[in-house]
Amino acid sequence: MTIRVLIVDDQALLRAGFRMILDEEDDLEVVGEAENGERAIDAVARLEPDVVLMDIRMPGLDGLAATRRLVGNGDGVGDRAVEPPRVIILTTFDLDEYVYEALRSGASGFLLKDSPPDQLVAAIRVVAGGDALIAPSVTRRLIAEFAARPSRPAPPTAAIADLTPRELEVLRLIARGKSNAEIADELVVSGTTVKSHVARILMKLGVRDRVQAVVLAYESGLAQPGA
């Protein structure tokens, strides 16, 4: 299956560079480009990409606002009846102050613009397959965001209360940035078992991927910075 990609960045040279990288892959097709959030929303409605590479800082509607409209509630995407695209946020800095808001906005991944080409290609395939890309540095940034906030324990949401003890354990490990393979090693179970647990967790929480599960785990108080 060919993965349709939309590139959104206000710098034409960067868009051209990303396109050159992706054009080398048989299973990836760049269906369009946009230089800001407004154009991105129009392009998504017309082209229906599977994955959007979204810059954060752009004139006019920025990447965060555009992502919220594309993924959060679908506002501004016309009569598009299909699933919203997966969004990979692009940035120049791994400690960008907008990491947390980018993840909360509904992005499925977060990638540095100077990442090696193979990482960019792999990230697109991962999020197109329905998973999320949380690099360890991003997970640490997310945890640091909560650690810097005043301590305000929140009661678990009804959805979290519905998780089994094993599912809660898996969710805590996801919130620590563990991969499925690492979780399997720690719990001494198979990778297939972990994958099944993760799928049930996402379904019960009503979230699309691991990124949103991590955010919910911290916001509900289930996961604690430094725990």
Foldseek 3Di string as FASTA:
>chain_A
DAAEEEEEAQDPVLVVVLQVLQVVDPRYDHPYYYDALLVVLACCLVPVGQEYEAEADGPDHGRLNSLLCQQVPVPSNPPDPDHGHAYEYEDQDLLPVCLQSSLVSQHQYYDYSPDDSVVVVVQSVQVSVQEGYQDQSSLVSNQVVLVPDPDDAAAQDPLVVPQDPVLLVLLQCLSNVDDLVRVCVVVVHDSVVSVVSQVVSCVSVVGRYSSVSNVSCVVNNSYHRPD
